[in-house]
Amino acid sequence: MNKNKTILSSVLLASALTLTPFTTTLLTASTQVQINSIINSIAANLHRRGIEEDASKKIAQRFFTIDEELFSLMLQNLKNSSLELNNEKILHYISTQALMQRNVKLDSYAYLVSMTQSIKGTILNKKDLKNLNSIAQKNSFYAKGWF
């Protein structure tokens, strides 16, 4: 019985070691697609608002002065929260900030509160504020490179 466990453990360890680079590659590719999707979505949103296509693409690309993967991760924390924010409204808000050449500070509690209130159009309750505080703390760890 111990011999079978040893063989099984060895097989599992070998599979994990051989699949780790593959999994990392898939995660990186998935993140890159999401980043391109954010840039393309911002550009498309700006284009729908009347800005020429080339200009909207330049504005969207210029918006990402920080690490795009980091921004995507921070944005995902906000989207996965229990705040029930509409994805299109988030995109509209970010597109407006890109157009005005303003930074979106997803690691700032005060900024997240302001942004969420603006998107929802209401004053937030204690549960939402606590949730935003948690998101800001997570995002600040990412921004400082402590992940």
N, C-alpha and C. Protein backbone atom coordinates (compact mmCIF):
# COMPACT_ATOMS: atom_id res chain seq x y z
N MET A 1 0.81 -1.19 0.00
CA MET A 1 0.00 0.00 0.00
C MET A 1 0.86 1.26 0.00
N ASN A 2 1.94 1.27 0.80
CA ASN A 2 2.84 2.42 0.84
C ASN A 2 3.54 2.63 -0.50
N LYS A 3 3.83 1.52 -1.16
CA LYS A 3 4.49 1.60 -2.46
C LYS A 3 3.57 2.29 -3.47
N ASN A 4 2.26 1.99 -3.44
CA ASN A 4 1.30 2.63 -4.34
C ASN A 4 1.16 4.12 -4.04
N LYS A 5 1.17 4.47 -2.77
CA LYS A 5 1.09 5.88 -2.38
C LYS A 5 2.32 6.64 -2.87
N THR A 6 3.48 6.02 -2.75
CA THR A 6 4.72 6.65 -3.19
C THR A 6 4.71 6.87 -4.69
N ILE A 7 4.25 5.85 -5.43
CA ILE A 7 4.19 5.98 -6.89
C ILE A 7 3.20 7.06 -7.28
N LEU A 8 2.02 7.05 -6.63
CA LEU A 8 1.01 8.05 -6.92
C LEU A 8 1.51 9.46 -6.59
N SER A 9 2.18 9.60 -5.46
CA SER A 9 2.73 10.90 -5.07
C SER A 9 3.77 11.38 -6.08
N SER A 10 4.60 10.46 -6.56
CA SER A 10 5.63 10.81 -7.54
C SER A 10 5.00 11.26 -8.86
N VAL A 11 3.95 10.55 -9.27
CA VAL A 11 3.27 10.91 -10.52
C VAL A 11 2.61 12.28 -10.39
N LEU A 12 1.96 12.53 -9.26
CA LEU A 12 1.32 13.83 -9.04
C LEU A 12 2.33 14.96 -9.00
N LEU A 13 3.46 14.71 -8.33
CA LEU A 13 4.51 15.73 -8.26
C LEU A 13 5.08 16.02 -9.66
N ALA A 14 5.33 14.98 -10.43
CA ALA A 14 5.87 15.16 -11.78
C ALA A 14 4.88 15.92 -12.66
N SER A 15 3.56 15.57 -12.54
CA SER A 15 2.57 16.28 -13.36
C SER A 15 2.49 17.75 -12.95
N ALA A 16 2.53 18.01 -11.66
CA ALA A 16 2.45 19.40 -11.21
C ALA A 16 3.63 20.21 -11.72
N LEU A 17 4.81 19.62 -11.66
CA LEU A 17 6.00 20.33 -12.11
C LEU A 17 6.01 20.57 -13.62
N THR A 18 5.49 19.62 -14.38
CA THR A 18 5.49 19.80 -15.84
C THR A 18 4.38 20.72 -16.30
N LEU A 19 3.28 20.78 -15.56
CA LEU A 19 2.15 21.63 -15.97
C LEU A 19 2.24 23.06 -15.46
N THR A 20 3.09 23.33 -14.48
CA THR A 20 3.21 24.67 -13.92
C THR A 20 3.57 25.72 -14.96
N PRO A 21 4.58 25.52 -15.81
CA PRO A 21 4.86 26.54 -16.83
C PRO A 21 3.68 26.74 -17.79
N PHE A 22 2.99 25.66 -18.12
CA PHE A 22 1.84 25.73 -19.01
C PHE A 22 0.73 26.57 -18.38
N THR A 23 0.45 26.33 -17.09
CA THR A 23 -0.58 27.08 -16.38
C THR A 23 -0.20 28.55 -16.30
N THR A 24 1.04 28.85 -16.00
CA THR A 24 1.51 30.23 -15.92
C THR A 24 1.34 30.94 -17.26
N THR A 25 1.67 30.23 -18.34
CA THR A 25 1.52 30.79 -19.68
C THR A 25 0.07 31.10 -19.98
N LEU A 26 -0.82 30.18 -19.60
CA LEU A 26 -2.25 30.39 -19.83
C LEU A 26 -2.76 31.59 -19.04
N LEU A 27 -2.34 31.72 -17.78
CA LEU A 27 -2.78 32.85 -16.97
C LEU A 27 -2.28 34.16 -17.54
N THR A 28 -1.03 34.19 -17.99
CA THR A 28 -0.48 35.40 -18.58
C THR A 28 -1.22 35.76 -19.86
N ALA A 29 -1.50 34.76 -20.70
CA ALA A 29 -2.23 35.00 -21.94
C ALA A 29 -3.65 35.50 -21.65
N SER A 30 -4.28 34.92 -20.65
CA SER A 30 -5.63 35.34 -20.27
C SER A 30 -5.63 36.77 -19.77
N THR A 31 -4.65 37.13 -18.96
CA THR A 31 -4.55 38.49 -18.45
C THR A 31 -4.30 39.47 -19.59
N GLN A 32 -3.44 39.08 -20.54
CA GLN A 32 -3.14 39.96 -21.68
C GLN A 32 -4.38 40.20 -22.53
N VAL A 33 -5.20 39.16 -22.73
CA VAL A 33 -6.44 39.32 -23.48
C VAL A 33 -7.37 40.27 -22.76
N GLN A 34 -7.44 40.15 -21.43
CA GLN A 34 -8.29 41.03 -20.64
C GLN A 34 -7.80 42.48 -20.73
N ILE A 35 -6.48 42.68 -20.70
CA ILE A 35 -5.93 44.02 -20.81
C ILE A 35 -6.28 44.63 -22.16
N ASN A 36 -6.05 43.86 -23.22
CA ASN A 36 -6.39 44.34 -24.55
C ASN A 36 -7.87 44.63 -24.63
N SER A 37 -8.64 43.83 -23.94
CA SER A 37 -10.08 44.04 -23.92
C SER A 37 -10.42 45.36 -23.23
N ILE A 38 -9.73 45.69 -22.16
CA ILE A 38 -9.97 46.96 -21.45
C ILE A 38 -9.60 48.13 -22.37
N ILE A 39 -8.43 48.07 -22.97
CA ILE A 39 -7.99 49.15 -23.87
C ILE A 39 -8.96 49.29 -25.03
N ASN A 40 -9.32 48.15 -25.65
CA ASN A 40 -10.25 48.19 -26.77
C ASN A 40 -11.64 48.68 -26.35
N SER A 41 -12.07 48.28 -25.17
CA SER A 41 -13.38 48.72 -24.68
C SER A 41 -13.41 50.22 -24.42
N ILE A 42 -12.33 50.74 -23.85
CA ILE A 42 -12.25 52.18 -23.61
C ILE A 42 -12.27 52.92 -24.94
N ALA A 43 -11.48 52.43 -25.90
CA ALA A 43 -11.42 53.06 -27.23
C ALA A 43 -12.79 53.00 -27.91
N ALA A 44 -13.45 51.85 -27.83
CA ALA A 44 -14.78 51.72 -28.45
C ALA A 44 -15.80 52.63 -27.78
N ASN A 45 -15.71 52.73 -26.47
CA ASN A 45 -16.64 53.61 -25.73
C ASN A 45 -16.43 55.06 -26.14
N LEU A 46 -15.19 55.48 -26.24
CA LEU A 46 -14.90 56.85 -26.65
C LEU A 46 -15.33 57.10 -28.09
N HIS A 47 -15.14 56.11 -28.94
CA HIS A 47 -15.56 56.24 -30.34
C HIS A 47 -17.08 56.38 -30.46
N ARG A 48 -17.82 55.61 -29.65
CA ARG A 48 -19.28 55.73 -29.64
C ARG A 48 -19.74 57.11 -29.17
N ARG A 49 -18.89 57.75 -28.39
CA ARG A 49 -19.23 59.07 -27.88
C ARG A 49 -18.88 60.19 -28.86
N GLY A 50 -18.36 59.81 -30.03
CA GLY A 50 -18.12 60.80 -31.06
C GLY A 50 -16.67 61.15 -31.33
N ILE A 51 -15.77 60.48 -30.68
CA ILE A 51 -14.34 60.75 -30.92
C ILE A 51 -13.88 59.84 -32.06
N GLU A 52 -13.04 60.38 -32.93
CA GLU A 52 -12.54 59.60 -34.05
C GLU A 52 -11.87 58.32 -33.56
N GLU A 53 -11.92 57.29 -34.39
CA GLU A 53 -11.44 55.97 -33.99
C GLU A 53 -9.95 55.99 -33.62
N ASP A 54 -9.13 56.60 -34.45
CA ASP A 54 -7.68 56.65 -34.18
C ASP A 54 -7.39 57.42 -32.89
N ALA A 55 -8.07 58.55 -32.72
CA ALA A 55 -7.87 59.36 -31.52
C ALA A 55 -8.31 58.60 -30.27
N SER A 56 -9.42 57.87 -30.36
CA SER A 56 -9.91 57.12 -29.20
C SER A 56 -8.94 56.00 -28.82
N LYS A 57 -8.30 55.38 -29.81
CA LYS A 57 -7.31 54.34 -29.54
C LYS A 57 -6.08 54.93 -28.85
N LYS A 58 -5.64 56.10 -29.31
CA LYS A 58 -4.48 56.76 -28.70
C LYS A 58 -4.78 57.16 -27.26
N ILE A 59 -5.98 57.68 -27.02
CA ILE A 59 -6.36 58.08 -25.65
C ILE A 59 -6.38 56.85 -24.75
N ALA A 60 -6.96 55.76 -25.21
CA ALA A 60 -7.04 54.53 -24.41
C ALA A 60 -5.65 53.98 -24.11
N GLN A 61 -4.76 53.98 -25.09
CA GLN A 61 -3.41 53.47 -24.86
C GLN A 61 -2.60 54.39 -23.95
N ARG A 62 -2.80 55.67 -24.08
CA ARG A 62 -2.08 56.64 -23.24
C ARG A 62 -2.55 56.57 -21.79
N PHE A 63 -3.78 56.12 -21.59
CA PHE A 63 -4.36 56.03 -20.25
C PHE A 63 -3.56 55.07 -19.37
N PHE A 64 -3.02 54.02 -19.95
CA PHE A 64 -2.31 53.01 -19.18
C PHE A 64 -0.86 53.39 -18.98
N THR A 65 -0.63 54.33 -18.07
CA THR A 65 0.73 54.72 -17.72
C THR A 65 1.28 53.78 -16.66
N ILE A 66 0.38 53.06 -15.95
CA ILE A 66 0.81 52.07 -14.97
C ILE A 66 0.81 50.71 -15.64
N ASP A 67 1.23 49.70 -14.92
CA ASP A 67 1.25 48.34 -15.40
C ASP A 67 -0.19 47.89 -15.70
N GLU A 68 -0.44 47.54 -16.93
CA GLU A 68 -1.80 47.18 -17.34
C GLU A 68 -2.30 45.94 -16.62
N GLU A 69 -1.43 44.98 -16.38
CA GLU A 69 -1.83 43.76 -15.67
C GLU A 69 -2.25 44.09 -14.25
N LEU A 70 -1.54 44.98 -13.63
CA LEU A 70 -1.87 45.40 -12.27
C LEU A 70 -3.22 46.10 -12.25
N PHE A 71 -3.46 46.99 -13.19
CA PHE A 71 -4.74 47.69 -13.28
C PHE A 71 -5.88 46.69 -13.49
N SER A 72 -5.66 45.73 -14.36
CA SER A 72 -6.66 44.71 -14.65
C SER A 72 -6.99 43.90 -13.40
N LEU A 73 -5.98 43.55 -12.64
CA LEU A 73 -6.17 42.79 -11.41
C LEU A 73 -6.96 43.61 -10.39
N MET A 74 -6.60 44.88 -10.25
CA MET A 74 -7.31 45.75 -9.32
C MET A 74 -8.77 45.94 -9.74
N LEU A 75 -8.98 46.11 -11.02
CA LEU A 75 -10.33 46.28 -11.54
C LEU A 75 -11.15 45.01 -11.32
N GLN A 76 -10.52 43.87 -11.45
CA GLN A 76 -11.21 42.60 -11.23
C GLN A 76 -11.65 42.48 -9.78
N ASN A 77 -10.85 42.97 -8.84
CA ASN A 77 -11.24 42.98 -7.42
C ASN A 77 -12.52 43.78 -7.22
N LEU A 78 -12.63 44.89 -7.91
CA LEU A 78 -13.81 45.72 -7.80
C LEU A 78 -15.03 45.03 -8.43
N LYS A 79 -14.82 44.45 -9.60
CA LYS A 79 -15.93 43.78 -10.30
C LYS A 79 -16.42 42.56 -9.54
N ASN A 80 -15.53 41.84 -8.85
CA ASN A 80 -15.90 40.63 -8.13
C ASN A 80 -16.49 40.91 -6.75
N SER A 81 -16.58 42.15 -6.40
CA SER A 81 -17.11 42.49 -5.08
C SER A 81 -18.63 42.35 -5.05
N SER A 82 -19.19 42.51 -3.88
CA SER A 82 -20.64 42.41 -3.74
C SER A 82 -21.33 43.77 -3.94
N LEU A 83 -20.63 44.70 -4.57
CA LEU A 83 -21.19 46.04 -4.76
C LEU A 83 -22.21 46.11 -5.89
N GLU A 84 -22.25 45.09 -6.72
CA GLU A 84 -23.19 45.02 -7.84
C GLU A 84 -23.09 46.25 -8.75
N LEU A 85 -21.86 46.51 -9.19
CA LEU A 85 -21.65 47.61 -10.13
C LEU A 85 -21.83 47.11 -11.55
N ASN A 86 -22.50 47.91 -12.34
CA ASN A 86 -22.73 47.58 -13.74
C ASN A 86 -21.42 47.72 -14.50
N ASN A 87 -21.06 46.68 -15.24
CA ASN A 87 -19.80 46.65 -15.98
C ASN A 87 -19.71 47.80 -16.99
N GLU A 88 -20.80 48.08 -17.67
CA GLU A 88 -20.81 49.16 -18.67
C GLU A 88 -20.64 50.53 -18.01
N LYS A 89 -21.22 50.69 -16.83
CA LYS A 89 -21.07 51.97 -16.12
C LYS A 89 -19.64 52.16 -15.63
N ILE A 90 -19.01 51.06 -15.21
CA ILE A 90 -17.60 51.13 -14.80
C ILE A 90 -16.75 51.55 -16.00
N LEU A 91 -16.99 50.92 -17.13
CA LEU A 91 -16.26 51.23 -18.36
C LEU A 91 -16.50 52.68 -18.78
N HIS A 92 -17.73 53.14 -18.67
CA HIS A 92 -18.05 54.53 -19.03
C HIS A 92 -17.29 55.50 -18.12
N TYR A 93 -17.26 55.19 -16.83
CA TYR A 93 -16.54 56.03 -15.87
C TYR A 93 -15.05 56.07 -16.20
N ILE A 94 -14.46 54.90 -16.44
CA ILE A 94 -13.02 54.83 -16.73
C ILE A 94 -12.72 55.54 -18.06
N SER A 95 -13.60 55.38 -19.03
CA SER A 95 -13.41 56.05 -20.32
C SER A 95 -13.42 57.57 -20.15
N THR A 96 -14.32 58.06 -19.33
CA THR A 96 -14.39 59.50 -19.07
C THR A 96 -13.10 59.98 -18.41
N GLN A 97 -12.59 59.20 -17.47
CA GLN A 97 -11.35 59.58 -16.80
C GLN A 97 -10.18 59.57 -17.79
N ALA A 98 -10.18 58.59 -18.70
CA ALA A 98 -9.13 58.53 -19.72
C ALA A 98 -9.20 59.74 -20.63
N LEU A 99 -10.42 60.11 -21.01
CA LEU A 99 -10.61 61.27 -21.88
C LEU A 99 -10.11 62.55 -21.22
N MET A 100 -10.36 62.68 -19.92
CA MET A 100 -9.94 63.86 -19.17
C MET A 100 -8.49 63.76 -18.69
N GLN A 101 -7.82 62.67 -19.05
CA GLN A 101 -6.44 62.41 -18.66
C GLN A 101 -6.25 62.42 -17.14
N ARG A 102 -7.21 61.81 -16.45
CA ARG A 102 -7.13 61.68 -14.99
C ARG A 102 -6.78 60.24 -14.63
N ASN A 103 -6.05 60.10 -13.55
CA ASN A 103 -5.69 58.77 -13.07
C ASN A 103 -6.88 58.12 -12.37
N VAL A 104 -7.00 56.83 -12.52
CA VAL A 104 -7.98 56.04 -11.79
C VAL A 104 -7.20 55.31 -10.71
N LYS A 105 -7.44 55.68 -9.47
CA LYS A 105 -6.65 55.17 -8.34
C LYS A 105 -7.42 54.07 -7.63
N LEU A 106 -7.34 52.87 -8.15
CA LEU A 106 -8.09 51.75 -7.60
C LEU A 106 -7.51 51.23 -6.29
N ASP A 107 -6.41 51.81 -5.84
CA ASP A 107 -5.83 51.42 -4.56
C ASP A 107 -6.11 52.45 -3.47
N SER A 108 -6.94 53.43 -3.78
CA SER A 108 -7.27 54.48 -2.81
C SER A 108 -8.72 54.32 -2.35
N TYR A 109 -8.90 54.20 -1.05
CA TYR A 109 -10.24 54.06 -0.48
C TYR A 109 -11.12 55.26 -0.84
N ALA A 110 -10.60 56.46 -0.65
CA ALA A 110 -11.37 57.67 -0.94
C ALA A 110 -11.78 57.72 -2.41
N TYR A 111 -10.86 57.35 -3.28
CA TYR A 111 -11.17 57.36 -4.71
C TYR A 111 -12.23 56.32 -5.04
N LEU A 112 -12.10 55.11 -4.48
CA LEU A 112 -13.08 54.05 -4.74
C LEU A 112 -14.47 54.45 -4.25
N VAL A 113 -14.54 55.12 -3.10
CA VAL A 113 -15.83 55.58 -2.58
C VAL A 113 -16.43 56.60 -3.54
N SER A 114 -15.65 57.57 -3.95
CA SER A 114 -16.12 58.59 -4.89
C SER A 114 -16.56 57.97 -6.21
N MET A 115 -15.75 57.08 -6.73
CA MET A 115 -16.05 56.42 -8.00
C MET A 115 -17.34 55.60 -7.89
N THR A 116 -17.47 54.82 -6.84
CA THR A 116 -18.65 53.96 -6.67
C THR A 116 -19.91 54.79 -6.48
N GLN A 117 -19.82 55.85 -5.70
CA GLN A 117 -20.98 56.74 -5.53
C GLN A 117 -21.37 57.37 -6.85
N SER A 118 -20.38 57.75 -7.63
CA SER A 118 -20.65 58.35 -8.93
C SER A 118 -21.32 57.34 -9.87
N ILE A 119 -20.84 56.12 -9.86
CA ILE A 119 -21.40 55.08 -10.74
C ILE A 119 -22.81 54.70 -10.29
N LYS A 120 -22.99 54.49 -8.99
CA LYS A 120 -24.29 54.06 -8.47
C LYS A 120 -25.29 55.20 -8.41
N GLY A 121 -24.79 56.41 -8.20
CA GLY A 121 -25.68 57.57 -8.09
C GLY A 121 -26.36 57.68 -6.74
N THR A 122 -25.84 56.96 -5.74
CA THR A 122 -26.41 57.01 -4.39
C THR A 122 -25.29 57.05 -3.36
N ILE A 123 -25.68 57.40 -2.14
CA ILE A 123 -24.74 57.36 -1.02
C ILE A 123 -24.61 55.90 -0.59
N LEU A 124 -23.42 55.48 -0.26
CA LEU A 124 -23.15 54.08 0.06
C LEU A 124 -23.47 53.77 1.51
N ASN A 125 -23.87 52.53 1.76
CA ASN A 125 -24.14 52.10 3.13
C ASN A 125 -22.86 51.57 3.78
N LYS A 126 -22.94 51.22 5.06
CA LYS A 126 -21.76 50.78 5.81
C LYS A 126 -21.15 49.51 5.22
N LYS A 127 -22.00 48.61 4.76
CA LYS A 127 -21.50 47.36 4.18
C LYS A 127 -20.68 47.64 2.92
N ASP A 128 -21.19 48.53 2.07
CA ASP A 128 -20.46 48.89 0.85
C ASP A 128 -19.14 49.58 1.18
N LEU A 129 -19.16 50.46 2.16
CA LEU A 129 -17.93 51.16 2.55
C LEU A 129 -16.89 50.18 3.10
N LYS A 130 -17.34 49.21 3.88
CA LYS A 130 -16.43 48.21 4.42
C LYS A 130 -15.84 47.37 3.28
N ASN A 131 -16.68 47.02 2.32
CA ASN A 131 -16.24 46.26 1.16
C ASN A 131 -15.20 47.05 0.36
N LEU A 132 -15.46 48.33 0.14
CA LEU A 132 -14.51 49.18 -0.59
C LEU A 132 -13.19 49.32 0.16
N ASN A 133 -13.25 49.38 1.48
CA ASN A 133 -12.03 49.45 2.28
C ASN A 133 -11.19 48.19 2.08
N SER A 134 -11.85 47.05 2.06
CA SER A 134 -11.16 45.79 1.84
C SER A 134 -10.52 45.75 0.44
N ILE A 135 -11.25 46.21 -0.56
CA ILE A 135 -10.74 46.24 -1.93
C ILE A 135 -9.54 47.18 -2.02
N ALA A 136 -9.64 48.35 -1.41
CA ALA A 136 -8.54 49.31 -1.43
C ALA A 136 -7.29 48.73 -0.77
N GLN A 137 -7.48 48.01 0.33
CA GLN A 137 -6.32 47.40 1.00
C GLN A 137 -5.68 46.34 0.13
N LYS A 138 -6.50 45.48 -0.50
CA LYS A 138 -5.95 44.46 -1.41
C LYS A 138 -5.19 45.13 -2.54
N ASN A 139 -5.82 46.12 -3.14
CA ASN A 139 -5.21 46.78 -4.29
C ASN A 139 -3.94 47.53 -3.91
N SER A 140 -3.89 48.07 -2.71
CA SER A 140 -2.68 48.78 -2.29
C SER A 140 -1.51 47.82 -2.10
N PHE A 141 -1.81 46.59 -1.67
CA PHE A 141 -0.74 45.59 -1.58
C PHE A 141 -0.20 45.27 -2.96
N TYR A 142 -1.08 45.18 -3.94
CA TYR A 142 -0.64 44.92 -5.32
C TYR A 142 0.20 46.09 -5.82
N ALA A 143 -0.26 47.31 -5.57
CA ALA A 143 0.44 48.50 -6.06
C ALA A 143 1.84 48.63 -5.47
N LYS A 144 1.99 48.17 -4.21
CA LYS A 144 3.29 48.27 -3.56
C LYS A 144 4.17 47.07 -3.88
N GLY A 145 3.62 46.10 -4.61
CA GLY A 145 4.41 44.94 -4.98
C GLY A 145 4.56 43.92 -3.87
N TRP A 146 3.60 43.89 -2.92
CA TRP A 146 3.68 42.97 -1.80
C TRP A 146 2.85 41.72 -2.03
N PHE A 147 2.66 41.32 -3.25
CA PHE A 147 1.83 40.14 -3.51
C PHE A 147 2.64 38.96 -3.84
